[in-house]
Amino acid sequence: MKLATINNLKFGYDHIPALDGVSFELDAGEFVGITGPNGASKSTLLKLLLGLLKPWSGEIIISKTNSSGKKLTIGYVPQSISSFNVGFPSTVLELVQSGRYQKKKWYQRLTDKDHEAVKRALEMVDMWQFQHKKVGDLSGGQKQKIIIARILASEPDLLVLDEPTTGMDAVSRKGFYEFMKHQVVQHNRTVVMVTHDQDEVEDYLDKIIHIEKGEKGGWKCLTLNSCKERFGQAE
């Protein structure tokens, strides 16, 4: 099932195009990596995909339903969230549990299934042991992890992540990639992730969208459907 189609997208700041002629497709049940050098407007591309920015030209078509015919749900984790101050009152557990209320009425209690999803999400980012700690007392990297856990606990159809492994060590990153692949394979979720660690993650990916400099300025896409190839050449 086609989840999103981006066709000949153009966008920039101050009358200068940052992205020009960007086209790619996202299918349901794909693990997609977006790569490219610093300054390649990867985060901007995610915001355009999510409708947070309006393109100058081109089209972005997002399916209104998932592969089961239900309303498509989207989870988004922006880059480097660390804005909670020391006075933030919620605990880690309470914040991540709030992700489950997106699927429920405000007066409904969390079920055993909800609690299991919350625990699984926190364990995945190695933060379960901090469940009773106040969010405002965490480090920047720890705050990033629990925001990711909150989105994961909501079990979205499309999960959009902007450099989610920032602050994680190599073991944690590997566990994160494995968990994302599990979400794709076992739950038919679509994961789109900006990453600088292409060599580390590519074995888990179904598709790489590489942002490269265009001949006339601006950044464009090169889509690699086989992650055993780079720029059309076998490894």
C-alpha atoms as a PDB file:
ATOM      1  CA  MET A   1       0.000   0.000   0.000  1.00  0.00           C
ATOM      2  CA  LYS A   2       1.269   3.458  -0.931  1.00  0.00           C
ATOM      3  CA  LEU A   3       1.424   5.520   2.255  1.00  0.00           C
ATOM      4  CA  ALA A   4       2.947   8.734   0.900  1.00  0.00           C
ATOM      5  CA  THR A   5       3.927  10.185  -2.463  1.00  0.00           C
ATOM      6  CA  ILE A   6       6.215  13.210  -2.748  1.00  0.00           C
ATOM      7  CA  ASN A   7       6.496  14.590  -6.275  1.00  0.00           C
ATOM      8  CA  ASN A   8       8.892  17.293  -7.521  1.00  0.00           C
ATOM      9  CA  LEU A   9       8.964  19.087  -4.185  1.00  0.00           C
ATOM     10  CA  LYS A  10      10.521  22.544  -3.958  1.00  0.00           C
ATOM     11  CA  PHE A  11      11.001  24.587  -0.787  1.00  0.00           C
ATOM     12  CA  GLY A  12      13.428  27.109   0.625  1.00  0.00           C
ATOM     13  CA  TYR A  13      14.022  30.073   2.873  1.00  0.00           C
ATOM     14  CA  ASP A  14      14.454  33.734   1.884  1.00  0.00           C
ATOM     15  CA  HIS A  15      13.729  33.014  -1.788  1.00  0.00           C
ATOM     16  CA  ILE A  16      16.611  30.505  -1.986  1.00  0.00           C
ATOM     17  CA  PRO A  17      15.591  26.878  -2.642  1.00  0.00           C
ATOM     18  CA  ALA A  18      16.862  24.428  -0.045  1.00  0.00           C
ATOM     19  CA  LEU A  19      15.105  21.413  -1.598  1.00  0.00           C
ATOM     20  CA  ASP A  20      14.496  21.300  -5.328  1.00  0.00           C
ATOM     21  CA  GLY A  21      13.013  18.476  -7.384  1.00  0.00           C
ATOM     22  CA  VAL A  22      12.608  16.048  -4.490  1.00  0.00           C
ATOM     23  CA  SER A  23      10.518  12.969  -5.316  1.00  0.00           C
ATOM     24  CA  PHE A  24      10.083   9.643  -3.515  1.00  0.00           C
ATOM     25  CA  GLU A  25       7.422   7.236  -2.264  1.00  0.00           C
ATOM     26  CA  LEU A  26       6.788   5.529   1.056  1.00  0.00           C
ATOM     27  CA  ASP A  27       5.065   2.153   1.249  1.00  0.00           C
ATOM     28  CA  ALA A  28       3.352   0.713   4.291  1.00  0.00           C
ATOM     29  CA  GLY A  29       5.623  -1.598   6.257  1.00  0.00           C
ATOM     30  CA  GLU A  30       8.941  -0.023   5.266  1.00  0.00           C
ATOM     31  CA  PHE A  31      11.921   0.996   7.380  1.00  0.00           C
ATOM     32  CA  VAL A  32      13.273   4.048   5.560  1.00  0.00           C
ATOM     33  CA  GLY A  33      16.475   5.938   6.329  1.00  0.00           C
ATOM     34  CA  ILE A  34      17.040   9.539   5.225  1.00  0.00           C
ATOM     35  CA  THR A  35      20.732  10.320   4.930  1.00  0.00           C
ATOM     36  CA  GLY A  36      22.906  13.134   3.636  1.00  0.00           C
ATOM     37  CA  PRO A  37      25.576  15.616   4.731  1.00  0.00           C
ATOM     38  CA  ASN A  38      25.091  18.282   7.374  1.00  0.00           C
ATOM     39  CA  GLY A  39      22.951  21.119   6.063  1.00  0.00           C
ATOM     40  CA  ALA A  40      21.161  18.932   3.508  1.00  0.00           C
ATOM     41  CA  SER A  41      17.703  19.987   4.778  1.00  0.00           C
ATOM     42  CA  LYS A  42      16.817  16.516   6.064  1.00  0.00           C
ATOM     43  CA  SER A  43      14.850  17.899   9.018  1.00  0.00           C
ATOM     44  CA  THR A  44      13.112  20.348   6.687  1.00  0.00           C
ATOM     45  CA  LEU A  45      12.079  17.423   4.496  1.00  0.00           C
ATOM     46  CA  LEU A  46      10.452  15.699   7.477  1.00  0.00           C
ATOM     47  CA  LYS A  47       8.528  18.853   8.384  1.00  0.00           C
ATOM     48  CA  LEU A  48       7.260  19.149   4.811  1.00  0.00           C
ATOM     49  CA  LEU A  49       6.183  15.508   4.870  1.00  0.00           C
ATOM     50  CA  LEU A  50       4.241  16.114   8.089  1.00  0.00           C
ATOM     51  CA  GLY A  51       2.594  19.295   6.838  1.00  0.00           C
ATOM     52  CA  LEU A  52       4.436  21.507   9.323  1.00  0.00           C
ATOM     53  CA  LEU A  53       5.854  23.497   6.397  1.00  0.00           C
ATOM     54  CA  LYS A  54       4.177  24.335   3.092  1.00  0.00           C
ATOM     55  CA  PRO A  55       6.158  23.619  -0.096  1.00  0.00           C
ATOM     56  CA  TRP A  56       6.710  26.273  -2.745  1.00  0.00           C
ATOM     57  CA  SER A  57       5.657  23.800  -5.387  1.00  0.00           C
ATOM     58  CA  GLY A  58       5.177  20.086  -5.977  1.00  0.00           C
ATOM     59  CA  GLU A  59       2.799  17.791  -4.155  1.00  0.00           C
ATOM     60  CA  ILE A  60       2.727  15.721  -0.995  1.00  0.00           C
ATOM     61  CA  ILE A  61       0.024  13.052  -0.835  1.00  0.00           C
ATOM     62  CA  ILE A  62      -0.442  11.234   2.466  1.00  0.00           C
ATOM     63  CA  SER A  63      -2.910   8.350   2.759  1.00  0.00           C
ATOM     64  CA  LYS A  64      -5.800   9.057   5.115  1.00  0.00           C
ATOM     65  CA  THR A  65      -6.026   5.392   6.130  1.00  0.00           C
ATOM     66  CA  ASN A  66      -3.644   2.622   7.105  1.00  0.00           C
ATOM     67  CA  SER A  67      -3.428  -0.811   5.487  1.00  0.00           C
ATOM     68  CA  SER A  68      -6.353  -1.980   7.662  1.00  0.00           C
ATOM     69  CA  GLY A  69      -8.615   0.806   6.426  1.00  0.00           C
ATOM     70  CA  LYS A  70      -8.549   2.680   9.742  1.00  0.00           C
ATOM     71  CA  LYS A  71      -7.537   6.313  10.180  1.00  0.00           C
ATOM     72  CA  LEU A  72      -3.798   6.752   9.706  1.00  0.00           C
ATOM     73  CA  THR A  73      -1.969   7.767  12.885  1.00  0.00           C
ATOM     74  CA  ILE A  74       1.402   9.506  12.814  1.00  0.00           C
ATOM     75  CA  GLY A  75       4.037   9.875  15.519  1.00  0.00           C
ATOM     76  CA  TYR A  76       6.827  12.452  15.236  1.00  0.00           C
ATOM     77  CA  VAL A  77       9.974  12.868  17.303  1.00  0.00           C
ATOM     78  CA  PRO A  78      11.894  16.058  16.404  1.00  0.00           C
ATOM     79  CA  GLN A  79      15.605  16.412  16.896  1.00  0.00           C
ATOM     80  CA  SER A  80      17.180  16.840  20.335  1.00  0.00           C
ATOM     81  CA  ILE A  81      14.262  17.564  22.653  1.00  0.00           C
ATOM     82  CA  SER A  82      15.532  18.792  26.020  1.00  0.00           C
ATOM     83  CA  SER A  83      13.251  21.697  26.929  1.00  0.00           C
ATOM     84  CA  PHE A  84      11.789  20.269  30.149  1.00  0.00           C
ATOM     85  CA  ASN A  85      13.077  22.287  33.102  1.00  0.00           C
ATOM     86  CA  VAL A  86      13.790  21.028  36.615  1.00  0.00           C
ATOM     87  CA  GLY A  87      10.312  22.063  37.766  1.00  0.00           C
ATOM     88  CA  PHE A  88       8.494  19.812  35.292  1.00  0.00           C
ATOM     89  CA  PRO A  89       6.142  17.848  37.580  1.00  0.00           C
ATOM     90  CA  SER A  90       5.549  14.563  35.735  1.00  0.00           C
ATOM     91  CA  THR A  91       7.472  11.377  36.273  1.00  0.00           C
ATOM     92  CA  VAL A  92       8.928   9.430  33.378  1.00  0.00           C
ATOM     93  CA  LEU A  93       6.188   6.818  33.695  1.00  0.00           C
ATOM     94  CA  GLU A  94       3.399   9.414  33.700  1.00  0.00           C
ATOM     95  CA  LEU A  95       4.750  11.159  30.619  1.00  0.00           C
ATOM     96  CA  VAL A  96       5.071   7.963  28.602  1.00  0.00           C
ATOM     97  CA  GLN A  97       1.644   6.753  29.776  1.00  0.00           C
ATOM     98  CA  SER A  98       0.145   9.945  28.342  1.00  0.00           C
ATOM     99  CA  GLY A  99       1.013   8.602  24.892  1.00  0.00           C
ATOM    100  CA  ARG A 100      -1.588   5.862  25.368  1.00  0.00           C
ATOM    101  CA  TYR A 101      -4.393   8.347  26.014  1.00  0.00           C
ATOM    102  CA  GLN A 102      -4.207   9.383  22.361  1.00  0.00           C
ATOM    103  CA  LYS A 103      -6.067   6.133  21.661  1.00  0.00           C
ATOM    104  CA  LYS A 104      -8.600   6.456  24.504  1.00  0.00           C
ATOM    105  CA  LYS A 105     -11.227   8.764  25.931  1.00  0.00           C
ATOM    106  CA  TRP A 106      -9.979  11.038  28.700  1.00  0.00           C
ATOM    107  CA  TYR A 107     -12.040   9.248  31.353  1.00  0.00           C
ATOM    108  CA  GLN A 108     -10.929   5.714  30.430  1.00  0.00           C
ATOM    109  CA  ARG A 109      -8.358   3.976  32.584  1.00  0.00           C
ATOM    110  CA  LEU A 110      -5.279   2.354  31.161  1.00  0.00           C
ATOM    111  CA  THR A 111      -5.613  -1.380  30.620  1.00  0.00           C
ATOM    112  CA  ASP A 112      -3.036  -4.130  31.117  1.00  0.00           C
ATOM    113  CA  LYS A 113      -2.294  -3.866  27.394  1.00  0.00           C
ATOM    114  CA  ASP A 114      -1.620  -0.129  27.797  1.00  0.00           C
ATOM    115  CA  HIS A 115       0.722  -0.689  30.740  1.00  0.00           C
ATOM    116  CA  GLU A 116       2.595  -3.398  28.829  1.00  0.00           C
ATOM    117  CA  ALA A 117       3.051  -1.089  25.836  1.00  0.00           C
ATOM    118  CA  VAL A 118       4.426   1.640  28.118  1.00  0.00           C
ATOM    119  CA  LYS A 119       6.835  -0.731  29.849  1.00  0.00           C
ATOM    120  CA  ARG A 120       8.010  -2.165  26.520  1.00  0.00           C
ATOM    121  CA  ALA A 121       8.629   1.312  25.111  1.00  0.00           C
ATOM    122  CA  LEU A 122      10.658   2.394  28.141  1.00  0.00           C
ATOM    123  CA  GLU A 123      12.666  -0.828  28.150  1.00  0.00           C
ATOM    124  CA  MET A 124      13.452  -0.342  24.478  1.00  0.00           C
ATOM    125  CA  VAL A 125      15.151   3.008  25.164  1.00  0.00           C
ATOM    126  CA  ASP A 126      16.732   1.634  28.374  1.00  0.00           C
ATOM    127  CA  MET A 127      14.765   3.978  30.654  1.00  0.00           C
ATOM    128  CA  TRP A 128      12.478   1.617  32.595  1.00  0.00           C
ATOM    129  CA  GLN A 129      14.691   1.886  35.675  1.00  0.00           C
ATOM    130  CA  PHE A 130      14.023   5.648  35.690  1.00  0.00           C
ATOM    131  CA  GLN A 131      10.228   5.269  35.568  1.00  0.00           C
ATOM    132  CA  HIS A 132       9.625   7.100  38.873  1.00  0.00           C
ATOM    133  CA  LYS A 133      12.186   9.849  38.301  1.00  0.00           C
ATOM    134  CA  LYS A 134      10.980  13.391  37.573  1.00  0.00           C
ATOM    135  CA  VAL A 135      11.364  14.320  33.894  1.00  0.00           C
ATOM    136  CA  GLY A 136      12.907  17.689  34.766  1.00  0.00           C
ATOM    137  CA  ASP A 137      15.773  15.950  36.585  1.00  0.00           C
ATOM    138  CA  LEU A 138      16.904  13.972  33.554  1.00  0.00           C
ATOM    139  CA  SER A 139      19.817  14.758  31.265  1.00  0.00           C
ATOM    140  CA  GLY A 140      19.191  15.987  27.726  1.00  0.00           C
ATOM    141  CA  GLY A 141      19.892  12.564  26.251  1.00  0.00           C
ATOM    142  CA  GLN A 142      17.548  10.874  28.728  1.00  0.00           C
ATOM    143  CA  LYS A 143      14.757  13.337  27.909  1.00  0.00           C
ATOM    144  CA  GLN A 144      15.184  12.504  24.224  1.00  0.00           C
ATOM    145  CA  LYS A 145      14.799   8.815  25.015  1.00  0.00           C
ATOM    146  CA  ILE A 146      11.559   9.191  26.956  1.00  0.00           C
ATOM    147  CA  ILE A 147      10.009  11.363  24.246  1.00  0.00           C
ATOM    148  CA  ILE A 148      10.780   8.553  21.815  1.00  0.00           C
ATOM    149  CA  ALA A 149       9.253   6.079  24.284  1.00  0.00           C
ATOM    150  CA  ARG A 150       6.075   8.166  24.567  1.00  0.00           C
ATOM    151  CA  ILE A 151       5.591   8.135  20.798  1.00  0.00           C
ATOM    152  CA  LEU A 152       6.348   4.412  20.599  1.00  0.00           C
ATOM    153  CA  ALA A 153       3.801   3.718  23.326  1.00  0.00           C
ATOM    154  CA  SER A 154       1.097   5.307  21.133  1.00  0.00           C
ATOM    155  CA  GLU A 155       1.790   2.645  18.450  1.00  0.00           C
ATOM    156  CA  PRO A 156       1.498   4.919  15.382  1.00  0.00           C
ATOM    157  CA  ASP A 157       1.115   3.637  11.807  1.00  0.00           C
ATOM    158  CA  LEU A 158       3.773   6.054  10.546  1.00  0.00           C
ATOM    159  CA  LEU A 159       6.671   6.889  12.836  1.00  0.00           C
ATOM    160  CA  VAL A 160       8.831   9.858  11.801  1.00  0.00           C
ATOM    161  CA  LEU A 161      12.111  10.239  13.711  1.00  0.00           C
ATOM    162  CA  ASP A 162      14.729  12.972  13.363  1.00  0.00           C
ATOM    163  CA  GLU A 163      18.085  11.560  14.495  1.00  0.00           C
ATOM    164  CA  PRO A 164      16.486   9.563  17.327  1.00  0.00           C
ATOM    165  CA  THR A 165      19.663   7.803  18.479  1.00  0.00           C
ATOM    166  CA  THR A 166      21.420  11.016  19.546  1.00  0.00           C
ATOM    167  CA  GLY A 167      22.891  10.414  22.992  1.00  0.00           C
ATOM    168  CA  MET A 168      22.691   6.604  22.767  1.00  0.00           C
ATOM    169  CA  ASP A 169      25.743   4.359  22.943  1.00  0.00           C
ATOM    170  CA  ALA A 170      26.474   1.693  20.306  1.00  0.00           C
ATOM    171  CA  VAL A 171      24.654  -1.088  22.170  1.00  0.00           C
ATOM    172  CA  SER A 172      21.555   1.052  22.687  1.00  0.00           C
ATOM    173  CA  ARG A 173      21.569   2.129  19.032  1.00  0.00           C
ATOM    174  CA  LYS A 174      21.709  -1.478  17.868  1.00  0.00           C
ATOM    175  CA  GLY A 175      18.799  -2.355  20.161  1.00  0.00           C
ATOM    176  CA  PHE A 176      16.859   0.621  18.836  1.00  0.00           C
ATOM    177  CA  TYR A 177      17.334  -0.421  15.194  1.00  0.00           C
ATOM    178  CA  GLU A 178      16.285  -3.975  16.015  1.00  0.00           C
ATOM    179  CA  PHE A 179      13.164  -2.731  17.789  1.00  0.00           C
ATOM    180  CA  MET A 180      12.257  -0.463  14.861  1.00  0.00           C
ATOM    181  CA  LYS A 181      12.700  -3.372  12.451  1.00  0.00           C
ATOM    182  CA  HIS A 182      10.436  -5.456  14.670  1.00  0.00           C
ATOM    183  CA  GLN A 183       7.791  -2.712  14.499  1.00  0.00           C
ATOM    184  CA  VAL A 184       7.972  -2.778  10.710  1.00  0.00           C
ATOM    185  CA  VAL A 185       7.989  -6.541  10.214  1.00  0.00           C
ATOM    186  CA  GLN A 186       5.651  -7.679  12.971  1.00  0.00           C
ATOM    187  CA  HIS A 187       3.254  -4.725  13.177  1.00  0.00           C
ATOM    188  CA  ASN A 188       3.349  -3.426   9.588  1.00  0.00           C
ATOM    189  CA  ARG A 189       4.369   0.039  10.769  1.00  0.00           C
ATOM    190  CA  THR A 190       6.275   2.452   8.563  1.00  0.00           C
ATOM    191  CA  VAL A 191       9.350   4.054  10.091  1.00  0.00           C
ATOM    192  CA  VAL A 192      11.078   7.063   8.519  1.00  0.00           C
ATOM    193  CA  MET A 193      14.299   8.036  10.265  1.00  0.00           C
ATOM    194  CA  VAL A 194      16.935  10.700   9.655  1.00  0.00           C
ATOM    195  CA  THR A 195      20.339   9.275  10.517  1.00  0.00           C
ATOM    196  CA  HIS A 196      24.036  10.016  10.129  1.00  0.00           C
ATOM    197  CA  ASP A 197      24.899   6.378  10.902  1.00  0.00           C
ATOM    198  CA  GLN A 198      24.169   4.866   7.481  1.00  0.00           C
ATOM    199  CA  ASP A 199      26.880   2.210   7.714  1.00  0.00           C
ATOM    200  CA  GLU A 200      25.574   1.128  11.114  1.00  0.00           C
ATOM    201  CA  VAL A 201      21.860   0.983  10.270  1.00  0.00           C
ATOM    202  CA  GLU A 202      21.654   0.090   6.578  1.00  0.00           C
ATOM    203  CA  ASP A 203      21.340  -3.669   7.143  1.00  0.00           C
ATOM    204  CA  TYR A 204      18.051  -2.990   8.940  1.00  0.00           C
ATOM    205  CA  LEU A 205      16.636  -0.631   6.291  1.00  0.00           C
ATOM    206  CA  ASP A 206      14.347  -1.393   3.366  1.00  0.00           C
ATOM    207  CA  LYS A 207      15.039   1.888   1.600  1.00  0.00           C
ATOM    208  CA  ILE A 208      17.524   4.751   1.779  1.00  0.00           C
ATOM    209  CA  ILE A 209      16.607   8.252   0.649  1.00  0.00           C
ATOM    210  CA  HIS A 210      19.912  10.049   0.214  1.00  0.00           C
ATOM    211  CA  ILE A 211      19.887  13.837  -0.070  1.00  0.00           C
ATOM    212  CA  GLU A 212      22.597  15.145  -2.387  1.00  0.00           C
ATOM    213  CA  LYS A 213      23.490  18.490  -3.919  1.00  0.00           C
ATOM    214  CA  GLY A 214      21.692  19.316  -7.154  1.00  0.00           C
ATOM    215  CA  GLU A 215      23.507  20.576 -10.238  1.00  0.00           C
ATOM    216  CA  LYS A 216      21.632  23.889 -10.135  1.00  0.00           C
ATOM    217  CA  GLY A 217      21.714  24.339  -6.365  1.00  0.00           C
ATOM    218  CA  GLY A 218      19.330  23.029  -3.760  1.00  0.00           C
ATOM    219  CA  TRP A 219      19.198  19.468  -2.500  1.00  0.00           C
ATOM    220  CA  LYS A 220      17.561  16.568  -4.303  1.00  0.00           C
ATOM    221  CA  CYS A 221      16.936  12.869  -3.602  1.00  0.00           C
ATOM    222  CA  LEU A 222      18.540   9.658  -4.684  1.00  0.00           C
ATOM    223  CA  THR A 223      16.378   6.721  -3.589  1.00  0.00           C
ATOM    224  CA  LEU A 224      18.071   3.378  -3.081  1.00  0.00           C
ATOM    225  CA  ASN A 225      15.552   0.574  -2.777  1.00  0.00           C
ATOM    226  CA  SER A 226      18.283  -1.947  -2.138  1.00  0.00           C
ATOM    227  CA  CYS A 227      20.429  -1.062   0.836  1.00  0.00           C
ATOM    228  CA  LYS A 228      23.159  -3.364  -0.449  1.00  0.00           C
ATOM    229  CA  GLU A 229      23.858  -0.780  -3.124  1.00  0.00           C
ATOM    230  CA  ARG A 230      25.044   2.785  -2.809  1.00  0.00           C
ATOM    231  CA  PHE A 231      24.585   5.289  -5.603  1.00  0.00           C
ATOM    232  CA  GLY A 232      23.818   2.435  -8.005  1.00  0.00           C
ATOM    233  CA  GLN A 233      27.053   0.548  -7.362  1.00  0.00           C
ATOM    234  CA  ALA A 234      27.299  -2.784  -5.550  1.00  0.00           C
ATOM    235  CA  GLU A 235      29.307  -2.828  -2.365  1.00  0.00           C
END
